[in-house]
């Protein structure tokens, strides 16, 4: 049993180190959604169509609230929110993991700067961001960031379980939209 766990852990580390590929490509239409979420600890409804009326949307999927990489990613997005706002973009975080903790997560790690919402299995499938695990974490999303232009089409996609590059890459993509 210990050997099986060690092999599973080693495989998970190898999986986490490799970038993953999202199925939605640049130019594809982003699936529309409305979902329950939270911002600054308060429940809200997040709607992609409504957000796109304000400008491009950075839609980032993360595995689960209150996990180390997801905490870091949310804090990094929160710290960069002035830059995203200056570029005219809205940021929305989505997860299928630990969704019962989103109110606290939105206040603590997102610093009340942007909404996070619960991604249904259907939404995770439509964006092709399933983490693909078959245990208690089934239904969790991969770490994938989409920049969606105001026409509802994917302008940029970045998929990697390491959280460090998502914010910088998505901000650069949003800025490149503004310079068109």
Protein backbone atom coordinates (compact mmCIF):
# COMPACT_ATOMS: atom_id res chain seq x y z
CA UNK A 1 0.00 0.00 0.00
CA UNK A 2 2.83 2.43 0.85
CA UNK A 3 4.54 1.64 -2.44
CA UNK A 4 1.32 2.31 -4.36
CA UNK A 5 0.92 5.66 -2.59
CA UNK A 6 4.55 6.56 -3.33
CA UNK A 7 4.09 5.70 -7.01
CA UNK A 8 0.88 7.73 -7.14
CA UNK A 9 2.60 10.69 -5.49
CA UNK A 10 5.52 10.47 -7.92
CA UNK A 11 3.14 10.35 -10.87
CA UNK A 12 1.25 13.35 -9.51
CA UNK A 13 4.47 15.33 -9.17
CA UNK A 14 5.44 14.48 -12.72
CA UNK A 15 1.97 15.46 -13.92
CA UNK A 16 2.15 18.74 -12.01
CA UNK A 17 5.50 19.60 -13.56
CA UNK A 18 4.30 19.22 -17.15
CA UNK A 19 2.13 21.79 -18.91
CA UNK A 20 -1.27 20.50 -19.89
CA UNK A 21 -3.16 21.32 -23.04
CA UNK A 22 -6.62 22.85 -23.13
CA UNK A 23 -8.96 21.90 -25.95
CA UNK A 24 -10.33 25.38 -26.59
CA UNK A 25 -8.12 27.12 -29.08
CA UNK A 26 -7.63 30.76 -29.92
CA UNK A 27 -10.56 31.94 -32.02
CA UNK A 28 -13.08 29.43 -30.66
CA UNK A 29 -16.26 30.69 -29.05
CA UNK A 30 -16.12 30.63 -25.25
CA UNK A 31 -18.98 28.69 -23.67
CA UNK A 32 -21.36 31.09 -21.91
CA UNK A 33 -22.24 30.50 -18.28
CA UNK A 34 -23.80 31.94 -15.17
CA UNK A 35 -22.67 30.53 -11.84
CA UNK A 36 -22.92 31.08 -8.12
CA UNK A 37 -19.84 32.61 -6.62
CA UNK A 38 -18.47 35.04 -4.09
CA UNK A 39 -16.64 38.33 -3.95
CA UNK A 40 -15.21 39.86 -0.79
CA UNK A 41 -16.92 37.13 1.21
CA UNK A 42 -20.40 37.87 -0.14
CA UNK A 43 -22.39 35.59 -2.44
CA UNK A 44 -22.85 36.84 -6.02
CA UNK A 45 -23.90 35.52 -9.39
CA UNK A 46 -21.18 35.55 -12.04
CA UNK A 47 -22.30 35.81 -15.68
CA UNK A 48 -19.82 35.70 -18.56
CA UNK A 49 -22.13 37.54 -20.97
CA UNK A 50 -22.62 40.44 -18.57
CA UNK A 51 -18.89 40.64 -17.88
CA UNK A 52 -18.04 40.70 -21.60
CA UNK A 53 -20.17 43.82 -22.04
CA UNK A 54 -17.59 45.65 -19.89
CA UNK A 55 -14.53 44.44 -21.81
CA UNK A 56 -12.35 41.35 -22.17
CA UNK A 57 -12.57 38.69 -19.49
CA UNK A 58 -9.71 36.76 -17.91
CA UNK A 59 -11.33 33.49 -16.92
CA UNK A 60 -8.97 31.41 -14.86
CA UNK A 61 -9.72 27.91 -13.67
CA UNK A 62 -7.92 26.66 -10.59
CA UNK A 63 -8.01 23.24 -8.88
CA UNK A 64 -9.34 24.13 -5.41
CA UNK A 65 -9.74 26.90 -2.89
CA UNK A 66 -7.29 26.92 0.01
CA UNK A 67 -4.57 24.87 -1.65
CA UNK A 68 -1.07 26.33 -1.80
CA UNK A 69 -0.79 26.94 -5.55
CA UNK A 70 -4.33 28.27 -5.80
CA UNK A 71 -3.79 30.61 -2.85
CA UNK A 72 -0.64 31.96 -4.53
CA UNK A 73 -2.39 32.40 -7.89
CA UNK A 74 -5.36 34.23 -6.35
CA UNK A 75 -3.07 36.52 -4.36
CA UNK A 76 -1.06 37.30 -7.50
CA UNK A 77 -4.21 38.10 -9.49
CA UNK A 78 -5.45 40.30 -6.62
CA UNK A 79 -2.15 42.21 -6.53
CA UNK A 80 -2.39 42.85 -10.29
CA UNK A 81 -6.04 43.94 -10.39
CA UNK A 82 -5.23 47.63 -10.90
CA UNK A 83 -3.30 46.65 -14.05
CA UNK A 84 -6.15 44.48 -15.31
CA UNK A 85 -8.67 47.27 -14.66
CA UNK A 86 -6.47 49.81 -16.47
CA UNK A 87 -6.43 47.41 -19.43
CA UNK A 88 -10.25 47.23 -19.28
CA UNK A 89 -10.44 43.58 -18.24
CA UNK A 90 -12.55 41.70 -15.74
CA UNK A 91 -11.01 38.73 -13.89
CA UNK A 92 -13.12 35.74 -12.86
CA UNK A 93 -11.78 32.71 -10.99
CA UNK A 94 -13.55 29.35 -11.39
CA UNK A 95 -13.08 26.05 -9.59
CA UNK A 96 -14.71 22.69 -9.12
CA UNK A 97 -12.77 21.99 -5.91
CA UNK A 98 -13.65 23.04 -2.36
CA UNK A 99 -16.51 25.17 -3.65
CA UNK A 100 -18.05 25.30 -0.18
CA UNK A 101 -15.10 27.51 0.82
CA UNK A 102 -15.37 30.16 -1.92
CA UNK A 103 -16.82 32.89 0.31
CA UNK A 104 -13.84 32.71 2.68
CA UNK A 105 -11.39 32.25 -0.21
CA UNK A 106 -12.74 35.34 -2.02
CA UNK A 107 -12.19 37.49 1.05
CA UNK A 108 -8.85 36.08 2.15
CA UNK A 109 -6.84 35.14 -0.93
CA UNK A 110 -8.64 37.17 -3.62
CA UNK A 111 -8.64 40.13 -1.22
CA UNK A 112 -12.14 41.06 -2.42
CA UNK A 113 -10.62 42.17 -5.74
CA UNK A 114 -12.41 39.81 -8.14
CA UNK A 115 -15.12 37.14 -8.04
CA UNK A 116 -14.58 33.41 -7.79
CA UNK A 117 -17.31 30.99 -8.73
CA UNK A 118 -18.24 27.35 -8.61
CA UNK A 119 -17.65 25.54 -11.91
CA UNK A 120 -20.08 22.71 -12.56
CA UNK A 121 -18.83 19.46 -14.07
CA UNK A 122 -20.59 20.49 -17.30
CA UNK A 123 -18.73 23.81 -17.41
CA UNK A 124 -15.42 22.12 -16.67
CA UNK A 125 -16.14 19.71 -19.53
CA UNK A 126 -17.17 22.50 -21.94
CA UNK A 127 -13.92 24.37 -21.25
CA UNK A 128 -12.01 21.06 -21.24
CA UNK A 129 -10.24 21.83 -17.97
CA UNK A 130 -10.87 18.65 -15.99
CA UNK A 131 -7.98 17.72 -13.74
CA UNK A 132 -8.85 14.14 -14.68
CA UNK A 133 -8.52 12.59 -11.25
CA UNK A 134 -10.69 9.63 -10.32
CA UNK A 135 -10.56 9.87 -6.53
CA UNK A 136 -12.10 12.33 -4.07
CA UNK A 137 -10.80 15.18 -6.22
CA UNK A 138 -12.81 14.12 -9.27
CA UNK A 139 -14.59 17.14 -10.71
CA UNK A 140 -11.75 19.50 -9.87
CA UNK A 141 -10.54 21.78 -12.62
CA UNK A 142 -7.10 22.06 -14.10
CA UNK A 143 -5.15 25.34 -13.86
CA UNK A 144 -6.00 27.00 -17.17
CA UNK A 145 -6.39 30.67 -17.99
CA UNK A 146 -8.43 31.97 -20.89
CA UNK A 147 -8.58 35.55 -22.10
CA UNK A 148 -11.93 36.06 -23.82
CA UNK A 149 -12.35 39.06 -26.13
CA UNK A 150 -15.53 41.12 -26.14
CA UNK A 151 -16.80 39.17 -29.16
CA UNK A 152 -16.94 36.07 -26.95
CA UNK A 153 -14.02 34.34 -28.64
CA UNK A 154 -10.90 32.92 -27.01
CA UNK A 155 -8.03 35.36 -27.57
CA UNK A 156 -5.46 33.56 -25.43
CA UNK A 157 -5.11 30.30 -23.51
CA UNK A 158 -2.45 29.18 -21.06
CA UNK A 159 -2.58 25.86 -19.26
CA UNK A 160 0.00 24.84 -16.68
CA UNK A 161 -0.43 23.52 -13.15
CA UNK A 162 2.33 25.84 -11.94
CA UNK A 163 0.57 29.10 -10.97
CA UNK A 164 3.46 31.53 -11.42
CA UNK A 165 3.01 32.53 -15.10
CA UNK A 166 -0.79 32.79 -15.40
CA UNK A 167 -1.12 36.40 -14.27
CA UNK A 168 1.75 37.88 -16.30
CA UNK A 169 0.81 36.00 -19.46
CA UNK A 170 -2.89 36.84 -19.26
CA UNK A 171 -2.16 40.51 -18.52
CA UNK A 172 0.13 40.66 -21.58
CA UNK A 173 -2.65 39.08 -23.67
CA UNK A 174 -5.21 41.62 -22.43
CA UNK A 175 -2.83 44.47 -23.18
CA UNK A 176 -2.26 43.13 -26.70
CA UNK A 177 -6.03 43.22 -27.27
CA UNK A 178 -6.10 46.88 -26.31
CA UNK A 179 -3.34 47.71 -28.78
CA UNK A 180 -5.24 46.26 -31.76
